[in-house]
Amino acid sequence: MKVWMIVSCLFVLSACGQQDNLNAKGEKGAFEAYTDSQVEALQRAKGVEDELNKADEARRKQLEQVQ
């Protein structure tokens, strides 16, 4: 009975180990892909924010020159 228990545990553990090896080869999991896309979206948003701030500053300088 112990032999069957040990064999089944080794079978389960070996199956879990193979999944980890697949991710170690460079394949991204769902969580990593999601976080990468969120980081990219934040970087784009920061870029847009910088552009808007520059445009706002330029508009304010124009208004100050007119007055």
PDB file of N, CA and C in Angstrom:
ATOM      1  N   MET A   1       0.823  -1.198   0.000  1.00  0.00           N
ATOM      2  CA  MET A   1       0.000   0.000   0.000  1.00  0.00           C
ATOM      3  C   MET A   1       0.863   1.256   0.000  1.00  0.00           C
ATOM      4  N   LYS A   2       1.964   1.219   0.756  1.00  0.00           N
ATOM      5  CA  LYS A   2       2.851   2.377   0.810  1.00  0.00           C
ATOM      6  C   LYS A   2       3.501   2.635  -0.545  1.00  0.00           C
ATOM      7  N   VAL A   3       3.801   1.570  -1.248  1.00  0.00           N
ATOM      8  CA  VAL A   3       4.433   1.715  -2.559  1.00  0.00           C
ATOM      9  C   VAL A   3       3.512   2.471  -3.505  1.00  0.00           C
ATOM     10  N   TRP A   4       2.232   2.118  -3.517  1.00  0.00           N
ATOM     11  CA  TRP A   4       1.276   2.796  -4.390  1.00  0.00           C
ATOM     12  C   TRP A   4       1.129   4.267  -4.002  1.00  0.00           C
ATOM     13  N   MET A   5       1.160   4.540  -2.718  1.00  0.00           N
ATOM     14  CA  MET A   5       1.041   5.904  -2.240  1.00  0.00           C
ATOM     15  C   MET A   5       2.258   6.727  -2.667  1.00  0.00           C
ATOM     16  N   ILE A   6       3.433   6.142  -2.550  1.00  0.00           N
ATOM     17  CA  ILE A   6       4.662   6.839  -2.947  1.00  0.00           C
ATOM     18  C   ILE A   6       4.690   7.065  -4.449  1.00  0.00           C
ATOM     19  N   VAL A   7       4.327   6.051  -5.201  1.00  0.00           N
ATOM     20  CA  VAL A   7       4.312   6.176  -6.663  1.00  0.00           C
ATOM     21  C   VAL A   7       3.317   7.239  -7.104  1.00  0.00           C
ATOM     22  N   SER A   8       2.149   7.263  -6.502  1.00  0.00           N
ATOM     23  CA  SER A   8       1.151   8.266  -6.889  1.00  0.00           C
ATOM     24  C   SER A   8       1.609   9.676  -6.512  1.00  0.00           C
ATOM     25  N   CYS A   9       2.258   9.818  -5.365  1.00  0.00           N
ATOM     26  CA  CYS A   9       2.785  11.135  -4.973  1.00  0.00           C
ATOM     27  C   CYS A   9       3.873  11.591  -5.934  1.00  0.00           C
ATOM     28  N   LEU A  10       4.763  10.681  -6.320  1.00  0.00           N
ATOM     29  CA  LEU A  10       5.801  11.034  -7.278  1.00  0.00           C
ATOM     30  C   LEU A  10       5.214  11.408  -8.631  1.00  0.00           C
ATOM     31  N   PHE A  11       4.176  10.715  -9.029  1.00  0.00           N
ATOM     32  CA  PHE A  11       3.512  11.029 -10.293  1.00  0.00           C
ATOM     33  C   PHE A  11       2.922  12.439 -10.264  1.00  0.00           C
ATOM     34  N   VAL A  12       2.261  12.774  -9.169  1.00  0.00           N
ATOM     35  CA  VAL A  12       1.652  14.105  -9.039  1.00  0.00           C
ATOM     36  C   VAL A  12       2.740  15.172  -9.006  1.00  0.00           C
ATOM     37  N   LEU A  13       3.791  14.946  -8.247  1.00  0.00           N
ATOM     38  CA  LEU A  13       4.865  15.931  -8.150  1.00  0.00           C
ATOM     39  C   LEU A  13       5.604  16.108  -9.468  1.00  0.00           C
ATOM     40  N   SER A  14       5.777  15.028 -10.202  1.00  0.00           N
ATOM     41  CA  SER A  14       6.460  15.150 -11.492  1.00  0.00           C
ATOM     42  C   SER A  14       5.605  15.917 -12.485  1.00  0.00           C
ATOM     43  N   ALA A  15       4.308  15.777 -12.421  1.00  0.00           N
ATOM     44  CA  ALA A  15       3.422  16.533 -13.305  1.00  0.00           C
ATOM     45  C   ALA A  15       3.481  18.024 -12.972  1.00  0.00           C
ATOM     46  N   CYS A  16       3.569  18.358 -11.702  1.00  0.00           N
ATOM     47  CA  CYS A  16       3.675  19.758 -11.298  1.00  0.00           C
ATOM     48  C   CYS A  16       5.008  20.341 -11.730  1.00  0.00           C
ATOM     49  N   GLY A  17       6.051  19.553 -11.665  1.00  0.00           N
ATOM     50  CA  GLY A  17       7.374  20.026 -12.052  1.00  0.00           C
ATOM     51  C   GLY A  17       7.457  20.352 -13.533  1.00  0.00           C
ATOM     52  N   GLN A  18       6.765  19.630 -14.374  1.00  0.00           N
ATOM     53  CA  GLN A  18       6.806  19.887 -15.802  1.00  0.00           C
ATOM     54  C   GLN A  18       6.180  21.229 -16.142  1.00  0.00           C
ATOM     55  N   GLN A  19       5.155  21.611 -15.473  1.00  0.00           N
ATOM     56  CA  GLN A  19       4.523  22.908 -15.731  1.00  0.00           C
ATOM     57  C   GLN A  19       5.484  24.038 -15.385  1.00  0.00           C
ATOM     58  N   ASP A  20       6.206  23.901 -14.285  1.00  0.00           N
ATOM     59  CA  ASP A  20       7.170  24.916 -13.904  1.00  0.00           C
ATOM     60  C   ASP A  20       8.283  25.022 -14.937  1.00  0.00           C
ATOM     61  N   ASN A  21       8.706  23.897 -15.491  1.00  0.00           N
ATOM     62  CA  ASN A  21       9.751  23.917 -16.503  1.00  0.00           C
ATOM     63  C   ASN A  21       9.291  24.612 -17.770  1.00  0.00           C
ATOM     64  N   LEU A  22       8.041  24.469 -18.136  1.00  0.00           N
ATOM     65  CA  LEU A  22       7.540  25.149 -19.324  1.00  0.00           C
ATOM     66  C   LEU A  22       7.582  26.661 -19.131  1.00  0.00           C
ATOM     67  N   ASN A  23       7.205  27.154 -17.960  1.00  0.00           N
ATOM     68  CA  ASN A  23       7.243  28.579 -17.707  1.00  0.00           C
ATOM     69  C   ASN A  23       8.674  29.091 -17.587  1.00  0.00           C
ATOM     70  N   ALA A  24       9.591  28.250 -17.167  1.00  0.00           N
ATOM     71  CA  ALA A  24      10.980  28.661 -17.038  1.00  0.00           C
ATOM     72  C   ALA A  24      11.637  28.833 -18.406  1.00  0.00           C
ATOM     73  N   LYS A  25      11.070  28.249 -19.443  1.00  0.00           N
ATOM     74  CA  LYS A  25      11.646  28.350 -20.781  1.00  0.00           C
ATOM     75  C   LYS A  25      11.321  29.670 -21.466  1.00  0.00           C
ATOM     76  N   GLY A  26      10.597  30.543 -20.828  1.00  0.00           N
ATOM     77  CA  GLY A  26      10.324  31.838 -21.418  1.00  0.00           C
ATOM     78  C   GLY A  26       8.863  32.087 -21.719  1.00  0.00           C
ATOM     79  N   GLU A  27       8.036  31.104 -21.554  1.00  0.00           N
ATOM     80  CA  GLU A  27       6.621  31.323 -21.782  1.00  0.00           C
ATOM     81  C   GLU A  27       6.037  32.096 -20.610  1.00  0.00           C
ATOM     82  N   LYS A  28       5.237  33.085 -20.919  1.00  0.00           N
ATOM     83  CA  LYS A  28       4.632  33.889 -19.867  1.00  0.00           C
ATOM     84  C   LYS A  28       3.298  33.294 -19.469  1.00  0.00           C
ATOM     85  N   GLY A  29       3.054  33.347 -18.178  1.00  0.00           N
ATOM     86  CA  GLY A  29       1.761  32.921 -17.675  1.00  0.00           C
ATOM     87  C   GLY A  29       0.750  34.041 -17.850  1.00  0.00           C
ATOM     88  N   ALA A  30      -0.482  33.775 -17.506  1.00  0.00           N
ATOM     89  CA  ALA A  30      -1.543  34.765 -17.670  1.00  0.00           C
ATOM     90  C   ALA A  30      -1.295  35.986 -16.791  1.00  0.00           C
ATOM     91  N   PHE A  31      -0.830  35.786 -15.577  1.00  0.00           N
ATOM     92  CA  PHE A  31      -0.602  36.912 -14.666  1.00  0.00           C
ATOM     93  C   PHE A  31       0.512  37.816 -15.180  1.00  0.00           C
ATOM     94  N   GLU A  32       1.605  37.218 -15.650  1.00  0.00           N
ATOM     95  CA  GLU A  32       2.720  38.016 -16.150  1.00  0.00           C
ATOM     96  C   GLU A  32       2.321  38.798 -17.392  1.00  0.00           C
ATOM     97  N   ALA A  33       1.584  38.161 -18.284  1.00  0.00           N
ATOM     98  CA  ALA A  33       1.135  38.849 -19.491  1.00  0.00           C
ATOM     99  C   ALA A  33       0.205  40.007 -19.133  1.00  0.00           C
ATOM    100  N   TYR A  34      -0.658  39.798 -18.154  1.00  0.00           N
ATOM    101  CA  TYR A  34      -1.579  40.855 -17.720  1.00  0.00           C
ATOM    102  C   TYR A  34      -0.811  42.014 -17.109  1.00  0.00           C
ATOM    103  N   THR A  35       0.144  41.718 -16.238  1.00  0.00           N
ATOM    104  CA  THR A  35       0.892  42.802 -15.604  1.00  0.00           C
ATOM    105  C   THR A  35       1.754  43.539 -16.609  1.00  0.00           C
ATOM    106  N   ASP A  36       2.312  42.835 -17.581  1.00  0.00           N
ATOM    107  CA  ASP A  36       3.092  43.499 -18.620  1.00  0.00           C
ATOM    108  C   ASP A  36       2.224  44.464 -19.416  1.00  0.00           C
ATOM    109  N   SER A  37       1.013  44.047 -19.756  1.00  0.00           N
ATOM    110  CA  SER A  37       0.139  44.931 -20.520  1.00  0.00           C
ATOM    111  C   SER A  37      -0.291  46.128 -19.679  1.00  0.00           C
ATOM    112  N   GLN A  38      -0.462  45.925 -18.376  1.00  0.00           N
ATOM    113  CA  GLN A  38      -0.823  47.043 -17.496  1.00  0.00           C
ATOM    114  C   GLN A  38       0.339  48.025 -17.364  1.00  0.00           C
ATOM    115  N   VAL A  39       1.555  47.529 -17.296  1.00  0.00           N
ATOM    116  CA  VAL A  39       2.725  48.405 -17.210  1.00  0.00           C
ATOM    117  C   VAL A  39       2.848  49.223 -18.492  1.00  0.00           C
ATOM    118  N   GLU A  40       2.648  48.595 -19.636  1.00  0.00           N
ATOM    119  CA  GLU A  40       2.702  49.308 -20.909  1.00  0.00           C
ATOM    120  C   GLU A  40       1.627  50.380 -20.978  1.00  0.00           C
ATOM    121  N   ALA A  41       0.430  50.076 -20.513  1.00  0.00           N
ATOM    122  CA  ALA A  41      -0.656  51.051 -20.529  1.00  0.00           C
ATOM    123  C   ALA A  41      -0.332  52.236 -19.620  1.00  0.00           C
ATOM    124  N   LEU A  42       0.261  51.981 -18.466  1.00  0.00           N
ATOM    125  CA  LEU A  42       0.654  53.061 -17.567  1.00  0.00           C
ATOM    126  C   LEU A  42       1.740  53.934 -18.189  1.00  0.00           C
ATOM    127  N   GLN A  43       2.678  53.328 -18.870  1.00  0.00           N
ATOM    128  CA  GLN A  43       3.735  54.099 -19.522  1.00  0.00           C
ATOM    129  C   GLN A  43       3.157  54.988 -20.617  1.00  0.00           C
ATOM    130  N   ARG A  44       2.228  54.455 -21.393  1.00  0.00           N
ATOM    131  CA  ARG A  44       1.580  55.268 -22.426  1.00  0.00           C
ATOM    132  C   ARG A  44       0.799  56.412 -21.806  1.00  0.00           C
ATOM    133  N   ALA A  45       0.096  56.134 -20.713  1.00  0.00           N
ATOM    134  CA  ALA A  45      -0.690  57.172 -20.039  1.00  0.00           C
ATOM    135  C   ALA A  45       0.219  58.271 -19.493  1.00  0.00           C
ATOM    136  N   LYS A  46       1.364  57.897 -18.960  1.00  0.00           N
ATOM    137  CA  LYS A  46       2.308  58.904 -18.469  1.00  0.00           C
ATOM    138  C   LYS A  46       2.834  59.754 -19.617  1.00  0.00           C
ATOM    139  N   GLY A  47       3.080  59.133 -20.754  1.00  0.00           N
ATOM    140  CA  GLY A  47       3.521  59.876 -21.929  1.00  0.00           C
ATOM    141  C   GLY A  47       2.476  60.877 -22.391  1.00  0.00           C
ATOM    142  N   VAL A  48       1.233  60.455 -22.407  1.00  0.00           N
ATOM    143  CA  VAL A  48       0.140  61.353 -22.798  1.00  0.00           C
ATOM    144  C   VAL A  48       0.002  62.482 -21.783  1.00  0.00           C
ATOM    145  N   GLU A  49       0.134  62.148 -20.506  1.00  0.00           N
ATOM    146  CA  GLU A  49       0.044  63.166 -19.459  1.00  0.00           C
ATOM    147  C   GLU A  49       1.150  64.210 -19.634  1.00  0.00           C
ATOM    148  N   ASP A  50       2.356  63.765 -19.946  1.00  0.00           N
ATOM    149  CA  ASP A  50       3.465  64.699 -20.167  1.00  0.00           C
ATOM    150  C   ASP A  50       3.170  65.619 -21.346  1.00  0.00           C
ATOM    151  N   GLU A  51       2.654  65.049 -22.428  1.00  0.00           N
ATOM    152  CA  GLU A  51       2.313  65.862 -23.597  1.00  0.00           C
ATOM    153  C   GLU A  51       1.239  66.891 -23.266  1.00  0.00           C
ATOM    154  N   LEU A  52       0.231  66.483 -22.514  1.00  0.00           N
ATOM    155  CA  LEU A  52      -0.834  67.411 -22.133  1.00  0.00           C
ATOM    156  C   LEU A  52      -0.309  68.513 -21.221  1.00  0.00           C
ATOM    157  N   ASN A  53       0.579  68.160 -20.312  1.00  0.00           N
ATOM    158  CA  ASN A  53       1.165  69.169 -19.430  1.00  0.00           C
ATOM    159  C   ASN A  53       1.998  70.177 -20.214  1.00  0.00           C
ATOM    160  N   LYS A  54       2.756  69.716 -21.193  1.00  0.00           N
ATOM    161  CA  LYS A  54       3.548  70.622 -22.032  1.00  0.00           C
ATOM    162  C   LYS A  54       2.642  71.546 -22.844  1.00  0.00           C
ATOM    163  N   ALA A  55       1.569  70.987 -23.403  1.00  0.00           N
ATOM    164  CA  ALA A  55       0.634  71.804 -24.172  1.00  0.00           C
ATOM    165  C   ALA A  55      -0.045  72.831 -23.273  1.00  0.00           C
ATOM    166  N   ASP A  56      -0.393  72.445 -22.067  1.00  0.00           N
ATOM    167  CA  ASP A  56      -1.027  73.366 -21.126  1.00  0.00           C
ATOM    168  C   ASP A  56      -0.076  74.489 -20.742  1.00  0.00           C
ATOM    169  N   GLU A  57       1.170  74.149 -20.501  1.00  0.00           N
ATOM    170  CA  GLU A  57       2.166  75.163 -20.154  1.00  0.00           C
ATOM    171  C   GLU A  57       2.380  76.128 -21.314  1.00  0.00           C
ATOM    172  N   ALA A  58       2.431  75.606 -22.530  1.00  0.00           N
ATOM    173  CA  ALA A  58       2.583  76.469 -23.701  1.00  0.00           C
ATOM    174  C   ALA A  58       1.384  77.398 -23.860  1.00  0.00           C
ATOM    175  N   ARG A  59       0.185  76.871 -23.607  1.00  0.00           N
ATOM    176  CA  ARG A  59      -1.020  77.701 -23.707  1.00  0.00           C
ATOM    177  C   ARG A  59      -1.006  78.801 -22.651  1.00  0.00           C
ATOM    178  N   ARG A  60      -0.564  78.478 -21.449  1.00  0.00           N
ATOM    179  CA  ARG A  60      -0.491  79.492 -20.382  1.00  0.00           C
ATOM    180  C   ARG A  60       0.526  80.586 -20.725  1.00  0.00           C
ATOM    181  N   LYS A  61       1.647  80.196 -21.291  1.00  0.00           N
ATOM    182  CA  LYS A  61       2.649  81.193 -21.694  1.00  0.00           C
ATOM    183  C   LYS A  61       2.096  82.112 -22.774  1.00  0.00           C
ATOM    184  N   GLN A  62       1.341  81.535 -23.701  1.00  0.00           N
ATOM    185  CA  GLN A  62       0.716  82.340 -24.746  1.00  0.00           C
ATOM    186  C   GLN A  62      -0.262  83.337 -24.144  1.00  0.00           C
ATOM    187  N   LEU A  63      -1.067  82.903 -23.223  1.00  0.00           N
ATOM    188  CA  LEU A  63      -2.035  83.791 -22.578  1.00  0.00           C
ATOM    189  C   LEU A  63      -1.336  84.894 -21.789  1.00  0.00           C
ATOM    190  N   GLU A  64      -0.223  84.584 -21.132  1.00  0.00           N
ATOM    191  CA  GLU A  64       0.499  85.592 -20.383  1.00  0.00           C
ATOM    192  C   GLU A  64       1.113  86.641 -21.316  1.00  0.00           C
ATOM    193  N   GLN A  65       1.562  86.218 -22.489  1.00  0.00           N
ATOM    194  CA  GLN A  65       2.150  87.156 -23.461  1.00  0.00           C
ATOM    195  C   GLN A  65       1.096  88.084 -24.044  1.00  0.00           C
ATOM    196  N   VAL A  66      -0.120  87.568 -24.217  1.00  0.00           N
ATOM    197  CA  VAL A  66      -1.197  88.365 -24.786  1.00  0.00           C
ATOM    198  C   VAL A  66      -1.654  89.419 -23.774  1.00  0.00           C
ATOM    199  N   GLN A  67      -1.702  89.072 -22.524  1.00  0.00           N
ATOM    200  CA  GLN A  67      -2.190  90.009 -21.516  1.00  0.00           C
ATOM    201  C   GLN A  67      -1.097  90.902 -21.167  1.00  0.00           C
TER     202      GLN A  67
END
